[in-house]
Every structure is written in structure tokens, then in C-alpha cells.
Amino acid sequence: MPRPDGLPEKIVWKELSPELRDAVLKWAREECANLSRANLSRANLGGADLSGANLCGADLSGADLSGANLSGADLSGAILRGSKGFISFGPIGEDGRIGYAVQHADGPMFALGCHWGNLKDTRAAIVTKYGRNSLYEKMIILAGKIVMEEK
């Protein structure tokens, strides 16, 4: 069903310039967007749905990612220096993954490969694969604490 205001339900990113520095995209829906090499430095991406987004090589330095959904997002090579509401950790686990913790109002959310979940679900998945009190489980707990303490 179309929106009553006539605007599209989703933003068509291919029509936008890759220069989005200082943009405010709070609560935007960008799922599966191709933002590779985009300049998103200092952008407000709080609450944005970046699920499945291609952020390879994107400049996210100083961006606010609190509340963002990064499920399935490709952040390889992304510049994350100084980003807010977000922490990367690793490599960890037998696959040498880089994990991501994102600050959300109800607690941290974690992106680990194709996994996107809260602390409870993420810990359960890690414990199932690596056992209780593994280094991986400890890293998840620590990353969650760090990202939630960030202002």
C-alpha cells in the first residue's frame, strides 16, 4: 500500500551522491543499500536500518550508529574511527571474525557474521559453539559493557 503522502516507502540510494558527510538519516530505512566508499563521516545514523547494506570502505568516522540495525551489513574496510554507539572487536573465534556491538535503548545488539541479536541470544549462540566462559563469550560481554557506557 503506498504512503498517503505519495513519498516512496524506501529511499532509492542509487540516485544519491556518495557524499553524505554530516547527513542526518535517523530512523531511515537503508536495507541492502550500496554505500560502499560513501563519505558518511559525522552522519547521524541513529536508528537507521542498515541491514544488508554494503558499507565496504565507507567513511563512518565520527558517525553516530547508536540504535542502528547492522544485521548482515558488510563493514569490511570501513573507517570507523571515532564512531559513536558502536564498537568493533576481534578477530575472534575459529573463523577469525570481526564482531560489532551497537548501542540500543534495551541493551547492546551484536553483529557477528550473519548473526544479529541481543546479548542473551548472542551469548547463547557463542556458548553453544565455544563453551561457557570461552574467550569469545568474555569478549561479547566486555564489548556490550563498553558500548553501553559510551555517551
N, C-alpha and C. Protein backbone atom coordinates (compact mmCIF):
# COMPACT_ATOMS: atom_id res chain seq x y z
N MET A 1 0.85 -1.19 0.00
CA MET A 1 0.00 0.00 0.00
C MET A 1 0.89 1.25 0.00
N PRO A 2 0.67 2.19 -0.92
CA PRO A 2 1.51 3.40 -0.98
C PRO A 2 1.26 4.31 0.23
N ARG A 3 2.27 5.09 0.55
CA ARG A 3 2.13 6.05 1.63
C ARG A 3 1.14 7.14 1.22
N PRO A 4 0.35 7.66 2.18
CA PRO A 4 -0.64 8.70 1.84
C PRO A 4 -0.01 9.99 1.35
N ASP A 5 1.26 10.24 1.73
CA ASP A 5 1.90 11.50 1.30
C ASP A 5 2.54 11.38 -0.08
N GLY A 6 2.44 10.17 -0.69
CA GLY A 6 2.97 9.97 -2.04
C GLY A 6 4.46 9.73 -2.11
N LEU A 7 5.15 9.76 -0.96
CA LEU A 7 6.59 9.52 -0.96
C LEU A 7 6.87 8.04 -1.04
N PRO A 8 8.02 7.65 -1.60
CA PRO A 8 8.34 6.23 -1.70
C PRO A 8 8.57 5.63 -0.32
N GLU A 9 8.27 4.35 -0.19
CA GLU A 9 8.45 3.65 1.09
C GLU A 9 9.93 3.54 1.45
N LYS A 10 10.79 3.41 0.46
CA LYS A 10 12.23 3.32 0.68
C LYS A 10 12.94 4.38 -0.14
N ILE A 11 14.09 4.75 0.34
CA ILE A 11 14.92 5.70 -0.40
C ILE A 11 15.65 4.91 -1.48
N VAL A 12 15.73 5.43 -2.67
CA VAL A 12 16.47 4.78 -3.74
C VAL A 12 17.87 5.38 -3.72
N TRP A 13 18.80 4.66 -3.14
CA TRP A 13 20.14 5.19 -2.91
C TRP A 13 20.94 5.43 -4.17
N LYS A 14 20.68 4.70 -5.24
CA LYS A 14 21.49 4.90 -6.43
C LYS A 14 21.31 6.30 -7.01
N GLU A 15 20.27 7.02 -6.58
CA GLU A 15 20.04 8.37 -7.06
C GLU A 15 20.76 9.42 -6.22
N LEU A 16 21.38 8.97 -5.11
CA LEU A 16 22.04 9.91 -4.22
C LEU A 16 23.54 9.93 -4.45
N SER A 17 24.14 11.05 -4.18
CA SER A 17 25.59 11.17 -4.25
C SER A 17 26.22 10.38 -3.11
N PRO A 18 27.41 9.81 -3.33
CA PRO A 18 28.07 9.10 -2.24
C PRO A 18 28.59 10.05 -1.15
N GLU A 19 28.52 11.36 -1.36
CA GLU A 19 28.98 12.34 -0.38
C GLU A 19 27.83 12.67 0.55
N LEU A 20 27.79 12.02 1.71
CA LEU A 20 26.70 12.23 2.67
C LEU A 20 27.26 12.70 4.02
N ARG A 21 28.43 13.30 4.01
CA ARG A 21 29.05 13.76 5.24
C ARG A 21 28.10 14.69 5.99
N ASP A 22 28.00 14.50 7.29
CA ASP A 22 27.15 15.28 8.18
C ASP A 22 25.64 15.05 7.95
N ALA A 23 25.29 14.04 7.18
CA ALA A 23 23.87 13.77 6.91
C ALA A 23 23.17 13.30 8.18
N VAL A 24 21.88 13.57 8.26
CA VAL A 24 21.05 13.07 9.35
C VAL A 24 20.09 12.06 8.73
N LEU A 25 20.31 10.78 9.04
CA LEU A 25 19.50 9.72 8.47
C LEU A 25 18.83 8.94 9.59
N LYS A 26 18.49 9.62 10.66
CA LYS A 26 17.90 8.96 11.82
C LYS A 26 16.61 8.25 11.45
N TRP A 27 16.53 7.00 11.81
CA TRP A 27 15.38 6.14 11.59
C TRP A 27 15.10 5.91 10.10
N ALA A 28 16.06 6.16 9.27
CA ALA A 28 15.89 5.88 7.84
C ALA A 28 15.96 4.38 7.59
N ARG A 29 15.42 3.96 6.46
CA ARG A 29 15.45 2.55 6.08
C ARG A 29 16.36 2.41 4.88
N GLU A 30 17.56 1.85 5.10
CA GLU A 30 18.52 1.71 4.01
C GLU A 30 18.87 0.25 3.75
N GLU A 31 17.99 -0.69 4.09
CA GLU A 31 18.37 -2.08 3.97
C GLU A 31 18.80 -2.42 2.55
N CYS A 32 19.89 -3.19 2.47
CA CYS A 32 20.51 -3.62 1.21
C CYS A 32 21.04 -2.46 0.38
N ALA A 33 21.28 -1.32 0.97
CA ALA A 33 21.81 -0.17 0.25
C ALA A 33 23.26 -0.41 -0.13
N ASN A 34 23.67 0.12 -1.25
CA ASN A 34 25.07 0.07 -1.64
C ASN A 34 25.69 1.42 -1.30
N LEU A 35 26.35 1.47 -0.16
CA LEU A 35 27.00 2.70 0.30
C LEU A 35 28.51 2.51 0.34
N SER A 36 29.02 1.60 -0.49
CA SER A 36 30.46 1.35 -0.48
C SER A 36 31.19 2.64 -0.86
N ARG A 37 32.24 2.89 -0.11
CA ARG A 37 33.11 4.06 -0.28
C ARG A 37 32.38 5.40 -0.09
N ALA A 38 31.15 5.38 0.47
CA ALA A 38 30.43 6.63 0.72
C ALA A 38 31.08 7.38 1.88
N ASN A 39 31.03 8.69 1.83
CA ASN A 39 31.54 9.51 2.91
C ASN A 39 30.38 9.79 3.86
N LEU A 40 30.34 9.02 4.95
CA LEU A 40 29.29 9.19 5.96
C LEU A 40 29.88 9.74 7.26
N SER A 41 31.03 10.38 7.16
CA SER A 41 31.68 10.89 8.36
C SER A 41 30.76 11.90 9.06
N ARG A 42 30.67 11.75 10.36
CA ARG A 42 29.86 12.59 11.24
C ARG A 42 28.36 12.50 10.94
N ALA A 43 27.91 11.53 10.16
CA ALA A 43 26.48 11.38 9.86
C ALA A 43 25.74 10.85 11.07
N ASN A 44 24.51 11.28 11.27
CA ASN A 44 23.67 10.76 12.33
C ASN A 44 22.88 9.58 11.75
N LEU A 45 23.34 8.36 12.04
CA LEU A 45 22.69 7.15 11.55
C LEU A 45 21.94 6.45 12.67
N GLY A 46 21.65 7.19 13.74
CA GLY A 46 20.95 6.63 14.89
C GLY A 46 19.62 6.04 14.49
N GLY A 47 19.42 4.75 14.79
CA GLY A 47 18.17 4.07 14.50
C GLY A 47 18.00 3.67 13.04
N ALA A 48 19.00 3.92 12.19
CA ALA A 48 18.87 3.58 10.77
C ALA A 48 18.89 2.07 10.57
N ASP A 49 18.12 1.59 9.61
CA ASP A 49 18.11 0.17 9.25
C ASP A 49 19.14 -0.02 8.15
N LEU A 50 20.32 -0.47 8.53
CA LEU A 50 21.41 -0.70 7.58
C LEU A 50 21.56 -2.19 7.30
N SER A 51 20.51 -2.95 7.55
CA SER A 51 20.60 -4.40 7.37
C SER A 51 20.91 -4.73 5.92
N GLY A 52 21.93 -5.55 5.73
CA GLY A 52 22.34 -5.97 4.40
C GLY A 52 23.06 -4.91 3.59
N ALA A 53 23.32 -3.75 4.18
CA ALA A 53 23.96 -2.65 3.44
C ALA A 53 25.41 -2.98 3.11
N ASN A 54 25.85 -2.53 1.95
CA ASN A 54 27.25 -2.67 1.57
C ASN A 54 27.96 -1.38 2.00
N LEU A 55 28.70 -1.47 3.09
CA LEU A 55 29.42 -0.32 3.62
C LEU A 55 30.94 -0.51 3.47
N CYS A 56 31.34 -1.38 2.53
CA CYS A 56 32.77 -1.64 2.29
C CYS A 56 33.49 -0.33 2.01
N GLY A 57 34.51 -0.05 2.79
CA GLY A 57 35.31 1.13 2.56
C GLY A 57 34.62 2.45 2.85
N ALA A 58 33.41 2.42 3.38
CA ALA A 58 32.71 3.67 3.70
C ALA A 58 33.41 4.40 4.84
N ASP A 59 33.40 5.70 4.80
CA ASP A 59 33.98 6.51 5.87
C ASP A 59 32.88 6.81 6.88
N LEU A 60 32.91 6.08 8.00
CA LEU A 60 31.94 6.27 9.08
C LEU A 60 32.58 6.95 10.28
N SER A 61 33.73 7.60 10.06
CA SER A 61 34.42 8.24 11.16
C SER A 61 33.55 9.31 11.80
N GLY A 62 33.39 9.22 13.10
CA GLY A 62 32.59 10.18 13.84
C GLY A 62 31.08 10.02 13.67
N ALA A 63 30.63 9.01 12.93
CA ALA A 63 29.19 8.80 12.72
C ALA A 63 28.54 8.27 13.99
N ASP A 64 27.28 8.62 14.21
CA ASP A 64 26.51 8.10 15.34
C ASP A 64 25.72 6.89 14.84
N LEU A 65 26.09 5.70 15.31
CA LEU A 65 25.44 4.46 14.90
C LEU A 65 24.56 3.88 15.99
N SER A 66 24.33 4.63 17.09
CA SER A 66 23.51 4.08 18.16
C SER A 66 22.11 3.77 17.66
N GLY A 67 21.64 2.60 18.00
CA GLY A 67 20.31 2.16 17.60
C GLY A 67 20.22 1.65 16.18
N ALA A 68 21.31 1.66 15.43
CA ALA A 68 21.29 1.21 14.04
C ALA A 68 21.19 -0.32 13.97
N ASN A 69 20.52 -0.81 12.94
CA ASN A 69 20.44 -2.25 12.67
C ASN A 69 21.50 -2.58 11.63
N LEU A 70 22.53 -3.32 12.04
CA LEU A 70 23.62 -3.68 11.14
C LEU A 70 23.58 -5.15 10.74
N SER A 71 22.42 -5.77 10.88
CA SER A 71 22.26 -7.18 10.54
C SER A 71 22.67 -7.43 9.09
N GLY A 72 23.69 -8.25 8.90
CA GLY A 72 24.13 -8.61 7.55
C GLY A 72 24.85 -7.51 6.80
N ALA A 73 25.14 -6.39 7.45
CA ALA A 73 25.86 -5.29 6.78
C ALA A 73 27.32 -5.69 6.58
N ASP A 74 27.89 -5.30 5.46
CA ASP A 74 29.30 -5.57 5.17
C ASP A 74 30.10 -4.33 5.51
N LEU A 75 30.85 -4.40 6.60
CA LEU A 75 31.65 -3.26 7.06
C LEU A 75 33.13 -3.45 6.78
N SER A 76 33.49 -4.42 5.93
CA SER A 76 34.90 -4.67 5.68
C SER A 76 35.55 -3.44 5.06
N GLY A 77 36.66 -3.04 5.64
CA GLY A 77 37.40 -1.89 5.16
C GLY A 77 36.78 -0.54 5.51
N ALA A 78 35.67 -0.55 6.26
CA ALA A 78 35.04 0.72 6.64
C ALA A 78 35.92 1.46 7.65
N ILE A 79 35.92 2.77 7.57
CA ILE A 79 36.66 3.61 8.51
C ILE A 79 35.72 3.94 9.65
N LEU A 80 36.02 3.42 10.83
CA LEU A 80 35.10 3.53 11.97
C LEU A 80 35.65 4.40 13.10
N ARG A 81 36.79 5.02 12.88
CA ARG A 81 37.46 5.81 13.91
C ARG A 81 36.53 6.91 14.44
N GLY A 82 36.33 6.91 15.75
CA GLY A 82 35.53 7.95 16.39
C GLY A 82 34.04 7.80 16.23
N SER A 83 33.58 6.68 15.67
CA SER A 83 32.13 6.50 15.55
C SER A 83 31.53 6.33 16.94
N LYS A 84 30.27 6.68 17.08
CA LYS A 84 29.60 6.67 18.38
C LYS A 84 28.53 5.59 18.42
N GLY A 85 28.36 4.98 19.61
CA GLY A 85 27.33 3.97 19.78
C GLY A 85 27.66 2.66 19.11
N PHE A 86 28.95 2.43 18.88
CA PHE A 86 29.37 1.29 18.07
C PHE A 86 30.80 0.90 18.47
N ILE A 87 31.06 -0.39 18.53
CA ILE A 87 32.43 -0.85 18.79
C ILE A 87 32.66 -2.12 17.97
N SER A 88 33.85 -2.23 17.40
CA SER A 88 34.23 -3.46 16.69
C SER A 88 35.25 -4.18 17.56
N PHE A 89 35.28 -5.50 17.43
CA PHE A 89 36.23 -6.30 18.21
C PHE A 89 36.62 -7.54 17.43
N GLY A 90 37.77 -8.06 17.75
CA GLY A 90 38.25 -9.27 17.09
C GLY A 90 39.56 -8.98 16.38
N PRO A 91 40.03 -9.91 15.58
CA PRO A 91 39.37 -11.14 15.15
C PRO A 91 39.26 -12.14 16.30
N ILE A 92 38.18 -12.90 16.26
CA ILE A 92 37.89 -13.85 17.33
C ILE A 92 37.15 -15.05 16.77
N GLY A 93 37.22 -16.16 17.48
CA GLY A 93 36.55 -17.38 17.06
C GLY A 93 37.36 -18.12 16.01
N GLU A 94 36.93 -19.32 15.70
CA GLU A 94 37.69 -20.15 14.76
C GLU A 94 37.73 -19.59 13.35
N ASP A 95 36.78 -18.72 13.01
CA ASP A 95 36.77 -18.10 11.68
C ASP A 95 37.48 -16.75 11.67
N GLY A 96 37.96 -16.30 12.83
CA GLY A 96 38.65 -15.01 12.90
C GLY A 96 37.75 -13.84 12.54
N ARG A 97 36.51 -13.90 12.99
CA ARG A 97 35.53 -12.85 12.68
C ARG A 97 35.85 -11.54 13.39
N ILE A 98 35.41 -10.47 12.77
CA ILE A 98 35.35 -9.17 13.42
C ILE A 98 33.89 -9.01 13.84
N GLY A 99 33.67 -8.75 15.11
CA GLY A 99 32.32 -8.57 15.63
C GLY A 99 32.03 -7.10 15.86
N TYR A 100 30.76 -6.79 15.95
CA TYR A 100 30.32 -5.42 16.17
C TYR A 100 29.27 -5.38 17.25
N ALA A 101 29.40 -4.45 18.17
CA ALA A 101 28.38 -4.21 19.20
C ALA A 101 27.81 -2.82 18.94
N VAL A 102 26.48 -2.71 19.00
CA VAL A 102 25.80 -1.44 18.73
C VAL A 102 24.94 -1.09 19.93
N GLN A 103 25.04 0.15 20.36
CA GLN A 103 24.26 0.65 21.50
C GLN A 103 22.79 0.78 21.10
N HIS A 104 21.92 0.13 21.87
CA HIS A 104 20.47 0.24 21.68
C HIS A 104 19.84 0.57 23.04
N ALA A 105 18.67 1.12 23.04
CA ALA A 105 17.99 1.52 24.28
C ALA A 105 17.78 0.34 25.23
N ASP A 106 17.51 -0.85 24.69
CA ASP A 106 17.25 -2.03 25.52
C ASP A 106 18.50 -2.85 25.81
N GLY A 107 19.66 -2.35 25.45
CA GLY A 107 20.91 -3.09 25.66
C GLY A 107 21.63 -3.29 24.34
N PRO A 108 22.85 -3.80 24.40
CA PRO A 108 23.65 -3.92 23.18
C PRO A 108 23.09 -4.96 22.22
N MET A 109 23.29 -4.70 20.94
CA MET A 109 22.98 -5.66 19.88
C MET A 109 24.30 -6.00 19.21
N PHE A 110 24.40 -7.23 18.73
CA PHE A 110 25.66 -7.72 18.17
C PHE A 110 25.49 -8.22 16.75
N ALA A 111 26.44 -7.87 15.90
CA ALA A 111 26.52 -8.39 14.54
C ALA A 111 27.77 -9.26 14.47
N LEU A 112 27.57 -10.53 14.22
CA LEU A 112 28.67 -11.50 14.09
C LEU A 112 28.38 -12.34 12.86
N GLY A 113 29.01 -12.02 11.76
CA GLY A 113 28.68 -12.72 10.52
C GLY A 113 27.23 -12.48 10.18
N CYS A 114 26.46 -13.57 10.01
CA CYS A 114 25.04 -13.40 9.69
C CYS A 114 24.18 -13.28 10.94
N HIS A 115 24.78 -13.40 12.12
CA HIS A 115 24.02 -13.28 13.38
C HIS A 115 23.79 -11.82 13.73
N TRP A 116 22.57 -11.51 14.13
CA TRP A 116 22.22 -10.19 14.68
C TRP A 116 21.33 -10.46 15.86
N GLY A 117 21.79 -10.12 17.07
CA GLY A 117 20.96 -10.40 18.23
C GLY A 117 21.39 -9.63 19.46
N ASN A 118 20.56 -9.74 20.50
CA ASN A 118 20.85 -9.08 21.77
C ASN A 118 21.90 -9.89 22.54
N LEU A 119 22.27 -9.41 23.71
CA LEU A 119 23.32 -10.06 24.50
C LEU A 119 22.94 -11.49 24.86
N LYS A 120 21.71 -11.71 25.29
CA LYS A 120 21.28 -13.05 25.70
C LYS A 120 21.37 -14.04 24.54
N ASP A 121 20.81 -13.68 23.39
CA ASP A 121 20.84 -14.58 22.23
C ASP A 121 22.26 -14.79 21.71
N THR A 122 23.04 -13.74 21.72
CA THR A 122 24.42 -13.84 21.22
C THR A 122 25.25 -14.72 22.13
N ARG A 123 25.11 -14.52 23.44
CA ARG A 123 25.85 -15.38 24.39
C ARG A 123 25.45 -16.84 24.23
N ALA A 124 24.16 -17.10 24.07
CA ALA A 124 23.68 -18.48 23.91
C ALA A 124 24.31 -19.12 22.67
N ALA A 125 24.38 -18.38 21.57
CA ALA A 125 24.98 -18.91 20.35
C ALA A 125 26.47 -19.18 20.54
N ILE A 126 27.16 -18.28 21.23
CA ILE A 126 28.60 -18.44 21.47
C ILE A 126 28.86 -19.61 22.41
N VAL A 127 28.08 -19.72 23.48
CA VAL A 127 28.25 -20.82 24.45
C VAL A 127 28.00 -22.17 23.77
N THR A 128 27.00 -22.23 22.89
CA THR A 128 26.72 -23.48 22.17
C THR A 128 27.92 -23.92 21.34
N LYS A 129 28.58 -22.98 20.69
CA LYS A 129 29.69 -23.32 19.80
C LYS A 129 31.03 -23.42 20.51
N TYR A 130 31.30 -22.51 21.47
CA TYR A 130 32.63 -22.42 22.08
C TYR A 130 32.68 -22.81 23.55
N GLY A 131 31.54 -23.01 24.18
CA GLY A 131 31.50 -23.38 25.59
C GLY A 131 31.42 -22.18 26.51
N ARG A 132 30.96 -22.45 27.74
CA ARG A 132 30.81 -21.40 28.74
C ARG A 132 32.18 -20.89 29.17
N ASN A 133 32.26 -19.59 29.41
CA ASN A 133 33.48 -18.90 29.85
C ASN A 133 34.60 -18.91 28.81
N SER A 134 34.24 -19.08 27.54
CA SER A 134 35.25 -19.01 26.48
C SER A 134 35.70 -17.55 26.31
N LEU A 135 36.84 -17.38 25.68
CA LEU A 135 37.33 -16.04 25.41
C LEU A 135 36.32 -15.26 24.56
N TYR A 136 35.67 -15.95 23.64
CA TYR A 136 34.66 -15.33 22.78
C TYR A 136 33.50 -14.78 23.62
N GLU A 137 33.00 -15.58 24.55
CA GLU A 137 31.90 -15.13 25.41
C GLU A 137 32.32 -13.92 26.24
N LYS A 138 33.54 -13.98 26.77
CA LYS A 138 34.04 -12.85 27.57
C LYS A 138 34.17 -11.58 26.73
N MET A 139 34.58 -11.74 25.47
CA MET A 139 34.73 -10.59 24.58
C MET A 139 33.36 -9.96 24.30
N ILE A 140 32.33 -10.79 24.10
CA ILE A 140 30.98 -10.28 23.86
C ILE A 140 30.49 -9.47 25.06
N ILE A 141 30.67 -10.01 26.24
CA ILE A 141 30.24 -9.32 27.46
C ILE A 141 30.96 -7.98 27.60
N LEU A 142 32.27 -7.99 27.40
CA LEU A 142 33.06 -6.76 27.53
C LEU A 142 32.65 -5.73 26.47
N ALA A 143 32.50 -6.16 25.22
CA ALA A 143 32.11 -5.22 24.15
C ALA A 143 30.74 -4.61 24.44
N GLY A 144 29.81 -5.42 24.97
CA GLY A 144 28.49 -4.93 25.33
C GLY A 144 28.55 -3.87 26.42
N LYS A 145 29.39 -4.11 27.43
CA LYS A 145 29.55 -3.12 28.53
C LYS A 145 30.14 -1.82 28.00
N ILE A 146 31.18 -1.95 27.18
CA ILE A 146 31.86 -0.75 26.66
C ILE A 146 30.90 0.09 25.84
N VAL A 147 30.19 -0.53 24.90
CA VAL A 147 29.32 0.24 24.02
C VAL A 147 28.16 0.89 24.78
N MET A 148 27.67 0.23 25.83
CA MET A 148 26.56 0.79 26.59
C MET A 148 27.00 1.93 27.52
N GLU A 149 28.27 1.95 27.90
CA GLU A 149 28.78 3.03 28.77
C GLU A 149 29.11 4.28 27.99
N GLU A 150 29.22 4.16 26.69
CA GLU A 150 29.55 5.32 25.85
C GLU A 150 28.41 6.32 25.85
N LYS A 151 28.75 7.56 25.95
CA LYS A 151 27.73 8.62 25.97
C LYS A 151 27.57 9.21 24.60
